[in-house]
Structures are given as structure tokens and as C-alpha cells.
Amino acid sequence: MLTLKSVQAGYGRLPVLKGISLHVRPGEVVTLIGGNGAGKTTTLQAICGLLPPRKGLIEFAGQELNRLSPERIVALGLALVPEGRRVFRTLSVSANLELGAFHRQDQKQARRDLGELQERFPILKERSRQPAGTLSGGEQQILAIGRALMARPRLLMLDEPSMGLAPRMVTQVYEILKELKEAGTTILLVEQNARAALKVADRGYVLETGRIILDGTAAELKEDPEVQRAYLGKGYREVWE
């Protein structure tokens, strides 16, 4: 569904991605893990058209994305839950969700989707009239995921969904991702929290200073000594234990 081939990207004269290649198949959950500054967010920005690649190829469902606008890329079926959630703080929870469907033409179905989403995530129904900025960090993350789902994406991308959340909320957010996985949603998950990401992912890539240094199934990466040393820590416990 999604393929990156030798993609290079950066900011001004600063190179960040130094020729990365990865792929996501339909129905998979693929995680991209790495430390701060590894290039994880830059990868998502390149896919979304916010930072066009300098070299390489990005394809989605057989269509090249390199020269498409972010609006066109969203319309093709890619939705991003950005780092830091970035909800519209002064707008209501309901208005935030409706904005997720701004590009859709099927407004009647979009309204039905909104109702179903609020039933699926009761907190979004309970707080529907509240300004989004009054929600807790975890509640805002659920809202950001719901807003992305309102776009009916073929591929859902999440950038550091556990960042800044209490352990209880990390567990809740990842339970949502597990439910989406079971429903067949295709997901590209960018995370620094390797413990949580590898629990839900099918496969993963390890990104370090703009290069893919390891890849494999989630089980393989969890057992890899380098991943354990750098990202899991000695004697780690699963995040929901």
C-alpha cells in the first residue's frame, strides 16, 4: 500500500533522511521506532507532502506522492495524527471531529460516522460541546485519533501517540490501536516508546540518524539485543503490566 524507496529529505542545508526505504502492506500495523532526532517525524512529513523529498520515491496505492499537495494526499486516503495532538483548542470536541471530514463529499455518511465514533468513544460524546483545550492530554489524543478516523483513511499514521501521557492513558490509547488493528485498519506508527509500539505492531523498522538500521517482525525486534539495549532497557516490563 505504501512504499518509500531511498527517500532523502531535510530542512534547508540540513539532511535528515539519508535514503530510507520501507513499506506497509494493507491491514498491517508497522512501527518506526527511534530516539529523538532520528528522523521519525520527518518521515511522516515527507509522506504527507509537508516536506517534499529531495530524492527517492514515495508511492501510495501505486500513485507517486512526491509532487502532490498535502490536501491531495489526504484525499487519496492518508490521515495523520500529529505529534502533540494539535487539536483546535478553542473549538468544541464535536467541531474538531467534523473538521476531520472536511474533504468528504458524503456529508450524510459523515454525520453517521460522527455518531458512530461518539458511541465508540463515549468520552467524545460526553464532552462534545466542551472546548478541546479543556480536555486532558490523553483525552486530546483520543480526539486526535477520532478526528483522523473521520477522514475514513485507508492508511492511518500516528506520530508519537504516547508522548506526554500518563501510563494509564498510554494503555488506553494503545487499546484503541489494538481495536483498530483487529478491525483491519492499516497503520504506520511512529514511536519512541518501543515497548508499547512493538506490542501492537506486526513489523517494525529502527531509524537512527536518518537511516534504517534494523527491520523485522515485532517479535524479532523485541528479541534483538541492540533494540533491547537502546530502546527497551534491561529487565523491561510491558507498559500495561
Protein backbone atom coordinates (compact mmCIF):
# COMPACT_ATOMS: atom_id res chain seq x y z
CA MET A 1 0.00 0.00 0.00
CA LEU A 2 2.76 2.45 0.99
CA THR A 3 6.32 2.29 -0.30
CA LEU A 4 9.32 4.52 0.33
CA LYS A 5 12.37 3.94 -1.85
CA SER A 6 15.70 5.58 -0.95
CA VAL A 7 13.99 8.72 0.32
CA GLN A 8 16.14 11.70 1.26
CA ALA A 9 14.71 14.80 2.92
CA GLY A 10 15.79 17.63 5.18
CA TYR A 11 15.43 21.25 6.21
CA GLY A 12 17.47 23.85 4.34
CA ARG A 13 21.01 22.52 4.14
CA LEU A 14 20.42 20.03 6.97
CA PRO A 15 19.94 16.47 5.70
CA VAL A 16 17.69 14.37 7.96
CA LEU A 17 16.60 11.33 5.97
CA LYS A 18 19.56 9.74 4.24
CA GLY A 19 17.98 7.25 1.87
CA ILE A 20 15.36 5.30 3.82
CA SER A 21 13.26 2.51 2.32
CA LEU A 22 10.23 0.87 3.92
CA HIS A 23 6.82 -0.49 3.04
CA VAL A 24 3.42 -1.02 4.64
CA ARG A 25 1.05 -3.71 3.36
CA PRO A 26 -2.76 -3.46 3.57
CA GLY A 27 -4.02 -4.46 7.00
CA GLU A 28 -0.61 -4.25 8.67
CA VAL A 29 0.48 -2.27 11.68
CA VAL A 30 4.06 -1.16 11.05
CA THR A 31 6.05 0.82 13.59
CA LEU A 32 9.01 3.11 13.05
CA ILE A 33 10.96 3.45 16.28
CA GLY A 34 13.98 5.52 17.20
CA GLY A 35 15.29 8.16 19.53
CA ASN A 36 14.91 11.93 19.38
CA GLY A 37 16.32 13.36 16.18
CA ALA A 38 16.31 10.03 14.35
CA GLY A 39 14.05 11.36 11.58
CA LYS A 40 10.73 9.75 12.51
CA THR A 41 8.57 12.87 12.25
CA THR A 42 10.44 13.96 9.11
CA THR A 43 9.47 10.63 7.53
CA LEU A 44 5.78 11.29 8.15
CA GLN A 45 6.09 14.86 6.91
CA ALA A 46 7.63 13.58 3.68
CA ILE A 47 4.81 11.08 3.21
CA CYS A 48 2.16 13.75 3.88
CA GLY A 49 3.64 16.25 1.45
CA LEU A 50 4.61 18.73 4.15
CA LEU A 51 8.30 18.23 3.34
CA PRO A 52 8.77 17.06 -0.26
CA PRO A 53 11.64 14.56 -0.60
CA ARG A 54 14.84 15.71 -2.25
CA LYS A 55 15.49 12.28 -3.74
CA GLY A 56 13.78 8.93 -3.80
CA LEU A 57 10.21 7.82 -4.38
CA ILE A 58 7.10 7.71 -2.21
CA GLU A 59 4.14 5.71 -3.54
CA PHE A 60 0.71 5.07 -2.09
CA ALA A 61 -1.59 2.50 -3.71
CA GLY A 62 0.54 2.70 -6.85
CA GLN A 63 0.45 6.52 -7.10
CA GLU A 64 3.50 8.70 -6.66
CA LEU A 65 3.15 11.23 -3.86
CA ASN A 66 6.37 13.22 -4.32
CA ARG A 67 4.79 16.21 -6.05
CA LEU A 68 1.27 16.10 -4.62
CA SER A 69 -0.09 18.70 -2.21
CA PRO A 70 -0.97 17.66 1.35
CA GLU A 71 -4.66 18.22 0.54
CA ARG A 72 -4.48 15.83 -2.41
CA ILE A 73 -2.64 13.24 -0.33
CA VAL A 74 -5.34 13.38 2.36
CA ALA A 75 -7.98 12.91 -0.33
CA LEU A 76 -6.20 9.75 -1.50
CA GLY A 77 -6.79 8.21 1.91
CA LEU A 78 -3.86 9.07 4.20
CA ALA A 79 -4.61 10.61 7.60
CA LEU A 80 -2.10 11.80 10.19
CA VAL A 81 -2.46 12.04 13.95
CA PRO A 82 0.33 14.59 14.56
CA GLU A 83 2.83 14.73 17.36
CA GLY A 84 1.45 16.74 20.25
CA ARG A 85 -2.13 16.06 19.08
CA ARG A 86 -2.64 19.63 17.76
CA VAL A 87 -6.34 19.80 18.37
CA PHE A 88 -8.10 23.11 17.76
CA ARG A 89 -8.20 24.15 21.38
CA THR A 90 -10.88 26.85 21.20
CA LEU A 91 -13.26 24.76 19.10
CA SER A 92 -15.59 22.18 20.58
CA VAL A 93 -14.80 18.48 20.57
CA SER A 94 -17.59 17.95 18.05
CA ALA A 95 -16.25 20.68 15.74
CA ASN A 96 -12.78 19.12 15.85
CA LEU A 97 -14.23 15.81 14.73
CA GLU A 98 -16.23 17.43 11.94
CA LEU A 99 -13.07 19.07 10.62
CA GLY A 100 -11.61 15.61 10.09
CA ALA A 101 -14.19 15.10 7.33
CA PHE A 102 -13.68 18.49 5.64
CA HIS A 103 -12.68 16.95 2.30
CA ARG A 104 -15.51 14.40 2.14
CA GLN A 105 -18.44 14.85 -0.22
CA ASP A 106 -20.70 12.31 1.52
CA GLN A 107 -21.91 14.60 4.28
CA LYS A 108 -24.83 12.38 5.33
CA GLN A 109 -22.48 9.45 5.79
CA ALA A 110 -20.01 11.70 7.58
CA ARG A 111 -22.70 12.64 10.10
CA ARG A 112 -23.47 8.96 10.62
CA ASP A 113 -19.75 8.30 11.08
CA LEU A 114 -19.63 11.07 13.69
CA GLY A 115 -22.43 9.46 15.65
CA GLU A 116 -20.81 6.03 15.46
CA LEU A 117 -17.47 7.47 16.55
CA GLN A 118 -19.04 9.14 19.56
CA GLU A 119 -20.68 5.85 20.52
CA ARG A 120 -17.37 4.05 20.10
CA PHE A 121 -15.50 6.59 22.24
CA PRO A 122 -18.03 7.77 24.86
CA ILE A 123 -15.71 10.49 26.17
CA LEU A 124 -16.06 12.28 22.83
CA LYS A 125 -19.84 12.25 23.18
CA GLU A 126 -19.81 13.29 26.83
CA ARG A 127 -17.50 16.24 26.10
CA SER A 128 -18.86 17.07 22.64
CA ARG A 129 -19.63 20.73 23.48
CA GLN A 130 -16.51 21.40 25.53
CA PRO A 131 -13.59 23.33 24.04
CA ALA A 132 -10.97 20.76 23.05
CA GLY A 133 -8.35 22.65 25.05
CA THR A 134 -10.11 21.76 28.30
CA LEU A 135 -9.54 18.02 27.79
CA SER A 136 -6.67 16.16 29.42
CA GLY A 137 -3.70 15.13 27.30
CA GLY A 138 -4.99 11.58 26.96
CA GLU A 139 -8.47 12.76 26.03
CA GLN A 140 -6.99 15.08 23.42
CA GLN A 141 -5.08 12.14 21.97
CA ILE A 142 -8.31 10.15 21.65
CA LEU A 143 -9.89 13.18 20.00
CA ALA A 144 -6.99 13.48 17.55
CA ILE A 145 -7.37 9.81 16.62
CA GLY A 146 -11.11 10.26 16.19
CA ARG A 147 -10.57 13.33 14.01
CA ALA A 148 -8.27 11.32 11.74
CA LEU A 149 -10.76 8.44 11.55
CA MET A 150 -13.43 10.88 10.39
CA ALA A 151 -11.46 11.12 7.15
CA ARG A 152 -12.11 7.39 6.58
CA PRO A 153 -8.41 6.80 5.89
CA ARG A 154 -7.01 3.85 4.00
CA LEU A 155 -3.80 4.39 5.97
CA LEU A 156 -3.71 5.90 9.45
CA MET A 157 -0.39 7.42 10.55
CA LEU A 158 0.34 8.31 14.16
CA ASP A 159 3.27 10.38 15.38
CA GLU A 160 4.31 9.65 19.00
CA PRO A 161 0.80 8.95 20.35
CA SER A 162 2.14 8.09 23.83
CA MET A 163 4.22 11.27 24.22
CA GLY A 164 3.50 13.16 27.43
CA LEU A 165 0.76 10.80 28.63
CA ALA A 166 0.42 9.10 31.99
CA PRO A 167 0.91 5.30 31.88
CA ARG A 168 -2.84 4.72 32.32
CA MET A 169 -3.61 6.85 29.26
CA VAL A 170 -0.85 5.20 27.24
CA THR A 171 -2.57 1.89 27.94
CA GLN A 172 -5.94 3.31 26.86
CA VAL A 173 -4.59 4.78 23.64
CA TYR A 174 -2.88 1.53 22.73
CA GLU A 175 -6.03 -0.44 23.46
CA ILE A 176 -7.70 1.76 20.83
CA LEU A 177 -4.91 0.94 18.38
CA LYS A 178 -5.37 -2.77 19.09
CA GLU A 179 -9.08 -2.43 18.32
CA LEU A 180 -8.30 -0.62 15.07
CA LYS A 181 -5.83 -3.35 14.14
CA GLU A 182 -8.43 -6.05 14.79
CA ALA A 183 -10.85 -4.13 12.56
CA GLY A 184 -8.30 -4.31 9.72
CA THR A 185 -7.08 -0.70 9.79
CA THR A 186 -3.70 -0.20 8.13
CA ILE A 187 -1.43 1.78 10.48
CA LEU A 188 2.02 3.35 10.33
CA LEU A 189 3.00 4.08 13.91
CA VAL A 190 5.94 6.34 14.74
CA GLU A 191 7.10 5.93 18.33
CA GLN A 192 9.92 6.48 20.75
CA ASN A 193 8.09 4.19 23.19
CA ALA A 194 9.30 0.93 21.67
CA ARG A 195 7.72 -1.19 24.39
CA ALA A 196 4.20 -0.06 23.53
CA ALA A 197 4.74 0.06 19.77
CA LEU A 198 6.16 -3.45 19.44
CA LYS A 199 3.27 -4.82 21.48
CA VAL A 200 0.72 -3.82 18.84
CA ALA A 201 2.79 -3.87 15.62
CA ASP A 202 3.21 -6.68 13.11
CA ARG A 203 6.56 -5.41 11.85
CA GLY A 204 8.94 -2.61 12.60
CA TYR A 205 11.88 -0.52 11.46
CA VAL A 206 14.52 1.05 13.67
CA LEU A 207 15.59 4.50 12.50
CA GLU A 208 18.85 6.07 13.66
CA THR A 209 20.28 9.39 12.42
CA GLY A 210 18.23 9.26 9.23
CA ARG A 211 18.93 5.64 8.29
CA ILE A 212 17.11 2.36 8.78
CA ILE A 213 19.48 0.21 10.82
CA LEU A 214 17.20 -2.75 11.63
CA ASP A 215 13.91 -4.20 10.46
CA GLY A 216 11.91 -7.32 11.14
CA THR A 217 8.79 -8.66 12.79
CA ALA A 218 7.80 -7.17 16.12
CA ALA A 219 8.81 -10.41 17.84
CA GLU A 220 12.23 -10.35 16.19
CA LEU A 221 12.88 -6.76 17.16
CA LYS A 222 11.84 -7.37 20.77
CA GLU A 223 14.43 -10.14 20.99
CA ASP A 224 17.19 -8.20 19.22
CA PRO A 225 19.95 -7.36 21.73
CA GLU A 226 20.55 -3.91 20.23
CA VAL A 227 16.87 -2.98 20.43
CA GLN A 228 16.72 -4.27 24.00
CA ARG A 229 19.76 -2.25 24.96
CA ALA A 230 18.83 1.01 23.25
CA TYR A 231 15.04 1.09 23.43
CA LEU A 232 13.69 -1.46 25.89
CA GLY A 233 16.20 -1.38 28.71
CA LYS A 234 17.44 -4.24 30.83
CA GLY A 235 14.68 -6.11 32.60
CA TYR A 236 11.90 -4.06 30.99
CA ARG A 237 8.24 -4.74 31.66
CA GLU A 238 5.39 -4.30 29.18
CA VAL A 239 3.70 -0.93 29.50
CA TRP A 240 0.36 -2.44 30.64
CA GLU A 241 1.75 -4.93 33.12
